[in-house]
């Protein structure tokens, strides 16, 4: 298992993939970044349902799993750049954390409407393959 933190995202979602690529370029995190569809979820202690619902930040050493806005905050705090670390720290403090969770939820529920998103992004993972196969 990896020693570095792991960022899992929905590799079937164009918006998610685009957002993660931009974040990696800007933040330069010391983390393993991979679509959840290619990860050993059992070994990481997460379910496909959770990974499909929200981005996940996993710290293998402690087995801590952060999801959604908390995962984004952890990603920001991992950056070597001070301004991003401060932004991540701020995202963990109320009332900013409350706002971050709300914004994350709204974005997650509407990712199929955002740039790069597709109708498939609105479907649960188990239905996406059927949609691609024309079923």
Foldseek 3Di string as FASTA:
>chain_A
DDQFKEKEAAPVWQLGVVVVVVLCVVQVFPYHYDHPVPDPCVLLVHDLQQRLQFIWIARVVVSDIDTFLLNCLVSQCRGPDPVSVVVSVVCVDPPNVVVRNVVRNVCQCCSLVDVGHNPLSNDRPVCSVCVVVVD
